[in-house]
Amino acid sequence: MALLDLLGRRWVLRVLWELRDGSAPTFRQLQQRCGGVSSSVLTERLRELGEADLVEHTGEGYVLTGQGTALLGRLAPLDAWAADWHPKATRD
């Protein structure tokens, strides 16, 4: 439940998604990639993701940890399922 609580927080999944390519963006670059997230919210989410050992700050920028990369790998089937998902409201 703790993981689902973390993943359900606003901007968490977007931050993880933006770090998927391993490019180590700086705070400002990550903020731009996430378009619309305030610096205070991004700071809080990065702190929470760091405490969960999913994201870390290197000298270059922010990257996924091994556990963060593994988590995205576990979420990939959900992404594939969502690509084919057609909610009832859109079928009518």
N, C-alpha and C. Protein backbone atom coordinates (compact mmCIF):
# COMPACT_ATOMS: atom_id res chain seq x y z
N MET A 1 0.81 -1.19 0.00
CA MET A 1 0.00 0.00 0.00
C MET A 1 0.86 1.26 0.00
N ALA A 2 2.02 1.20 0.65
CA ALA A 2 2.89 2.38 0.70
C ALA A 2 3.33 2.78 -0.71
N LEU A 3 3.66 1.78 -1.55
CA LEU A 3 4.08 2.09 -2.92
C LEU A 3 2.93 2.69 -3.71
N LEU A 4 1.74 2.13 -3.58
CA LEU A 4 0.60 2.67 -4.31
C LEU A 4 0.28 4.09 -3.85
N ASP A 5 0.44 4.35 -2.56
CA ASP A 5 0.23 5.71 -2.05
C ASP A 5 1.23 6.67 -2.69
N LEU A 6 2.49 6.26 -2.76
CA LEU A 6 3.52 7.11 -3.36
C LEU A 6 3.23 7.33 -4.84
N LEU A 7 2.93 6.27 -5.57
CA LEU A 7 2.69 6.38 -7.00
C LEU A 7 1.44 7.19 -7.33
N GLY A 8 0.51 7.24 -6.39
CA GLY A 8 -0.71 8.00 -6.59
C GLY A 8 -0.58 9.49 -6.34
N ARG A 9 0.53 9.92 -5.83
CA ARG A 9 0.73 11.35 -5.58
C ARG A 9 0.96 12.08 -6.90
N ARG A 10 0.42 13.27 -6.95
CA ARG A 10 0.50 14.06 -8.18
C ARG A 10 1.95 14.26 -8.59
N TRP A 11 2.23 14.03 -9.86
CA TRP A 11 3.51 14.22 -10.53
C TRP A 11 4.51 13.08 -10.34
N VAL A 12 4.26 12.14 -9.44
CA VAL A 12 5.25 11.08 -9.20
C VAL A 12 5.47 10.24 -10.45
N LEU A 13 4.40 9.76 -11.06
CA LEU A 13 4.57 8.93 -12.25
C LEU A 13 5.19 9.71 -13.40
N ARG A 14 4.86 10.97 -13.51
CA ARG A 14 5.45 11.80 -14.57
C ARG A 14 6.95 11.96 -14.36
N VAL A 15 7.36 12.18 -13.13
CA VAL A 15 8.80 12.30 -12.83
C VAL A 15 9.51 11.00 -13.20
N LEU A 16 8.96 9.87 -12.77
CA LEU A 16 9.57 8.58 -13.10
C LEU A 16 9.65 8.40 -14.61
N TRP A 17 8.57 8.74 -15.30
CA TRP A 17 8.53 8.60 -16.76
C TRP A 17 9.59 9.46 -17.43
N GLU A 18 9.77 10.67 -16.95
CA GLU A 18 10.74 11.57 -17.56
C GLU A 18 12.19 11.15 -17.30
N LEU A 19 12.40 10.29 -16.32
CA LEU A 19 13.76 9.81 -16.01
C LEU A 19 14.06 8.47 -16.69
N ARG A 20 13.13 7.96 -17.44
CA ARG A 20 13.27 6.61 -18.01
C ARG A 20 14.42 6.47 -18.99
N ASP A 21 14.86 7.56 -19.64
CA ASP A 21 15.89 7.44 -20.67
C ASP A 21 17.32 7.48 -20.11
N GLY A 22 17.46 7.72 -18.81
CA GLY A 22 18.78 7.70 -18.19
C GLY A 22 19.65 8.91 -18.47
N SER A 23 19.05 10.02 -18.92
CA SER A 23 19.84 11.18 -19.32
C SER A 23 20.29 12.08 -18.17
N ALA A 24 19.85 11.86 -16.95
CA ALA A 24 20.26 12.62 -15.76
C ALA A 24 20.00 14.12 -15.89
N PRO A 25 18.73 14.52 -16.07
CA PRO A 25 18.45 15.96 -16.17
C PRO A 25 18.69 16.68 -14.85
N THR A 26 19.04 17.96 -14.96
CA THR A 26 19.14 18.80 -13.77
C THR A 26 17.73 19.08 -13.26
N PHE A 27 17.64 19.72 -12.12
CA PHE A 27 16.33 20.06 -11.56
C PHE A 27 15.53 20.88 -12.56
N ARG A 28 16.14 21.92 -13.11
CA ARG A 28 15.44 22.81 -14.06
C ARG A 28 15.01 22.06 -15.31
N GLN A 29 15.88 21.20 -15.83
CA GLN A 29 15.53 20.42 -17.01
C GLN A 29 14.36 19.49 -16.72
N LEU A 30 14.40 18.85 -15.56
CA LEU A 30 13.31 17.96 -15.19
C LEU A 30 12.02 18.73 -15.01
N GLN A 31 12.11 19.90 -14.42
CA GLN A 31 10.93 20.75 -14.25
C GLN A 31 10.34 21.12 -15.62
N GLN A 32 11.17 21.44 -16.58
CA GLN A 32 10.69 21.76 -17.93
C GLN A 32 10.06 20.55 -18.59
N ARG A 33 10.66 19.39 -18.43
CA ARG A 33 10.11 18.16 -19.01
C ARG A 33 8.73 17.85 -18.44
N CYS A 34 8.56 18.18 -17.17
CA CYS A 34 7.29 17.90 -16.49
C CYS A 34 6.28 19.02 -16.71
N GLY A 35 6.62 20.04 -17.44
CA GLY A 35 5.74 21.15 -17.78
C GLY A 35 4.59 21.38 -16.82
N GLY A 36 4.69 22.38 -16.01
CA GLY A 36 3.58 22.74 -15.14
C GLY A 36 3.77 22.41 -13.67
N VAL A 37 4.77 21.64 -13.33
CA VAL A 37 4.99 21.32 -11.92
C VAL A 37 5.75 22.48 -11.27
N SER A 38 5.29 22.86 -10.10
CA SER A 38 5.98 23.94 -9.38
C SER A 38 7.28 23.41 -8.79
N SER A 39 8.20 24.31 -8.53
CA SER A 39 9.49 23.89 -7.97
C SER A 39 9.32 23.28 -6.59
N SER A 40 8.37 23.78 -5.80
CA SER A 40 8.18 23.22 -4.46
C SER A 40 7.60 21.81 -4.52
N VAL A 41 6.68 21.56 -5.44
CA VAL A 41 6.12 20.21 -5.58
C VAL A 41 7.18 19.26 -6.12
N LEU A 42 7.93 19.69 -7.12
CA LEU A 42 8.98 18.83 -7.67
C LEU A 42 10.01 18.50 -6.61
N THR A 43 10.40 19.47 -5.81
CA THR A 43 11.35 19.23 -4.72
C THR A 43 10.81 18.17 -3.77
N GLU A 44 9.54 18.30 -3.40
CA GLU A 44 8.92 17.34 -2.49
C GLU A 44 8.86 15.94 -3.11
N ARG A 45 8.48 15.86 -4.37
CA ARG A 45 8.38 14.54 -5.02
C ARG A 45 9.76 13.90 -5.17
N LEU A 46 10.75 14.67 -5.50
CA LEU A 46 12.10 14.11 -5.61
C LEU A 46 12.60 13.63 -4.26
N ARG A 47 12.26 14.36 -3.20
CA ARG A 47 12.64 13.93 -1.85
C ARG A 47 11.96 12.60 -1.51
N GLU A 48 10.66 12.51 -1.80
CA GLU A 48 9.92 11.28 -1.50
C GLU A 48 10.45 10.11 -2.33
N LEU A 49 10.72 10.34 -3.59
CA LEU A 49 11.25 9.28 -4.44
C LEU A 49 12.65 8.87 -4.02
N GLY A 50 13.42 9.82 -3.52
CA GLY A 50 14.75 9.51 -3.00
C GLY A 50 14.67 8.67 -1.74
N GLU A 51 13.76 9.04 -0.83
CA GLU A 51 13.57 8.27 0.40
C GLU A 51 13.09 6.85 0.11
N ALA A 52 12.36 6.68 -1.00
CA ALA A 52 11.87 5.36 -1.40
C ALA A 52 12.92 4.59 -2.21
N ASP A 53 14.10 5.18 -2.40
CA ASP A 53 15.20 4.59 -3.16
C ASP A 53 14.80 4.29 -4.60
N LEU A 54 14.04 5.20 -5.21
CA LEU A 54 13.65 5.05 -6.61
C LEU A 54 14.38 6.05 -7.50
N VAL A 55 14.78 7.18 -6.93
CA VAL A 55 15.48 8.24 -7.67
C VAL A 55 16.64 8.72 -6.81
N GLU A 56 17.73 9.08 -7.48
CA GLU A 56 18.86 9.66 -6.76
C GLU A 56 19.44 10.82 -7.56
N HIS A 57 20.13 11.68 -6.85
CA HIS A 57 20.79 12.81 -7.49
C HIS A 57 22.27 12.48 -7.60
N THR A 58 22.76 12.53 -8.81
CA THR A 58 24.19 12.34 -9.04
C THR A 58 24.80 13.72 -9.21
N GLY A 59 26.05 13.81 -9.43
CA GLY A 59 26.68 15.10 -9.69
C GLY A 59 26.14 15.75 -10.95
N GLU A 60 25.64 14.94 -11.85
CA GLU A 60 25.11 15.42 -13.13
C GLU A 60 23.66 15.86 -13.04
N GLY A 61 22.83 15.08 -12.36
CA GLY A 61 21.40 15.36 -12.29
C GLY A 61 20.67 14.21 -11.62
N TYR A 62 19.40 14.05 -11.95
CA TYR A 62 18.56 13.03 -11.34
C TYR A 62 18.46 11.81 -12.23
N VAL A 63 18.54 10.63 -11.61
CA VAL A 63 18.44 9.37 -12.33
C VAL A 63 17.63 8.38 -11.51
N LEU A 64 17.11 7.38 -12.19
CA LEU A 64 16.45 6.28 -11.50
C LEU A 64 17.51 5.40 -10.84
N THR A 65 17.20 4.88 -9.69
CA THR A 65 18.07 3.89 -9.06
C THR A 65 17.77 2.53 -9.72
N GLY A 66 18.46 1.52 -9.30
CA GLY A 66 18.16 0.17 -9.79
C GLY A 66 16.72 -0.21 -9.49
N GLN A 67 16.27 0.14 -8.29
CA GLN A 67 14.88 -0.18 -7.93
C GLN A 67 13.89 0.65 -8.76
N GLY A 68 14.24 1.89 -9.06
CA GLY A 68 13.38 2.72 -9.90
C GLY A 68 13.26 2.16 -11.30
N THR A 69 14.37 1.70 -11.85
CA THR A 69 14.36 1.09 -13.18
C THR A 69 13.54 -0.19 -13.16
N ALA A 70 13.71 -0.99 -12.11
CA ALA A 70 12.93 -2.23 -11.99
C ALA A 70 11.44 -1.93 -11.89
N LEU A 71 11.09 -0.89 -11.15
CA LEU A 71 9.68 -0.51 -11.02
C LEU A 71 9.10 -0.13 -12.38
N LEU A 72 9.82 0.68 -13.17
CA LEU A 72 9.32 1.03 -14.49
C LEU A 72 9.15 -0.20 -15.37
N GLY A 73 10.05 -1.16 -15.21
CA GLY A 73 9.91 -2.42 -15.94
C GLY A 73 8.64 -3.16 -15.56
N ARG A 74 8.27 -3.09 -14.29
CA ARG A 74 7.03 -3.73 -13.82
C ARG A 74 5.80 -2.98 -14.29
N LEU A 75 5.94 -1.67 -14.52
CA LEU A 75 4.81 -0.87 -14.97
C LEU A 75 4.62 -0.94 -16.49
N ALA A 76 5.62 -1.41 -17.22
CA ALA A 76 5.54 -1.48 -18.69
C ALA A 76 4.34 -2.30 -19.17
N PRO A 77 4.03 -3.47 -18.57
CA PRO A 77 2.84 -4.20 -19.02
C PRO A 77 1.55 -3.40 -18.80
N LEU A 78 1.50 -2.61 -17.74
CA LEU A 78 0.34 -1.77 -17.50
C LEU A 78 0.22 -0.71 -18.59
N ASP A 79 1.35 -0.14 -19.00
CA ASP A 79 1.36 0.84 -20.08
C ASP A 79 0.87 0.20 -21.38
N ALA A 80 1.32 -1.02 -21.66
CA ALA A 80 0.88 -1.73 -22.86
C ALA A 80 -0.62 -2.01 -22.81
N TRP A 81 -1.10 -2.43 -21.65
CA TRP A 81 -2.54 -2.68 -21.50
C TRP A 81 -3.32 -1.39 -21.70
N ALA A 82 -2.85 -0.29 -21.12
CA ALA A 82 -3.55 0.98 -21.22
C ALA A 82 -3.63 1.47 -22.67
N ALA A 83 -2.64 1.13 -23.49
CA ALA A 83 -2.65 1.55 -24.90
C ALA A 83 -3.83 0.92 -25.64
N ASP A 84 -4.27 -0.26 -25.22
CA ASP A 84 -5.40 -0.94 -25.86
C ASP A 84 -6.71 -0.77 -25.11
N TRP A 85 -6.68 -0.07 -24.01
CA TRP A 85 -7.85 0.11 -23.15
C TRP A 85 -8.85 1.06 -23.78
N HIS A 86 -10.09 0.68 -23.76
CA HIS A 86 -11.16 1.54 -24.28
C HIS A 86 -12.25 1.61 -23.22
N PRO A 87 -12.22 2.66 -22.41
CA PRO A 87 -13.25 2.79 -21.36
C PRO A 87 -14.65 2.80 -21.98
N LYS A 88 -15.60 2.31 -21.25
CA LYS A 88 -16.97 2.22 -21.73
C LYS A 88 -17.47 3.57 -22.25
N ALA A 89 -17.15 4.65 -21.57
CA ALA A 89 -17.61 5.98 -21.97
C ALA A 89 -17.13 6.35 -23.37
N THR A 90 -15.98 5.85 -23.80
CA THR A 90 -15.47 6.20 -25.13
C THR A 90 -15.97 5.24 -26.20
N ARG A 91 -16.61 4.12 -25.80
CA ARG A 91 -17.13 3.17 -26.76
C ARG A 91 -18.56 3.51 -27.19
N ASP A 92 -19.25 4.31 -26.40
CA ASP A 92 -20.66 4.62 -26.71
C ASP A 92 -20.81 5.69 -27.76
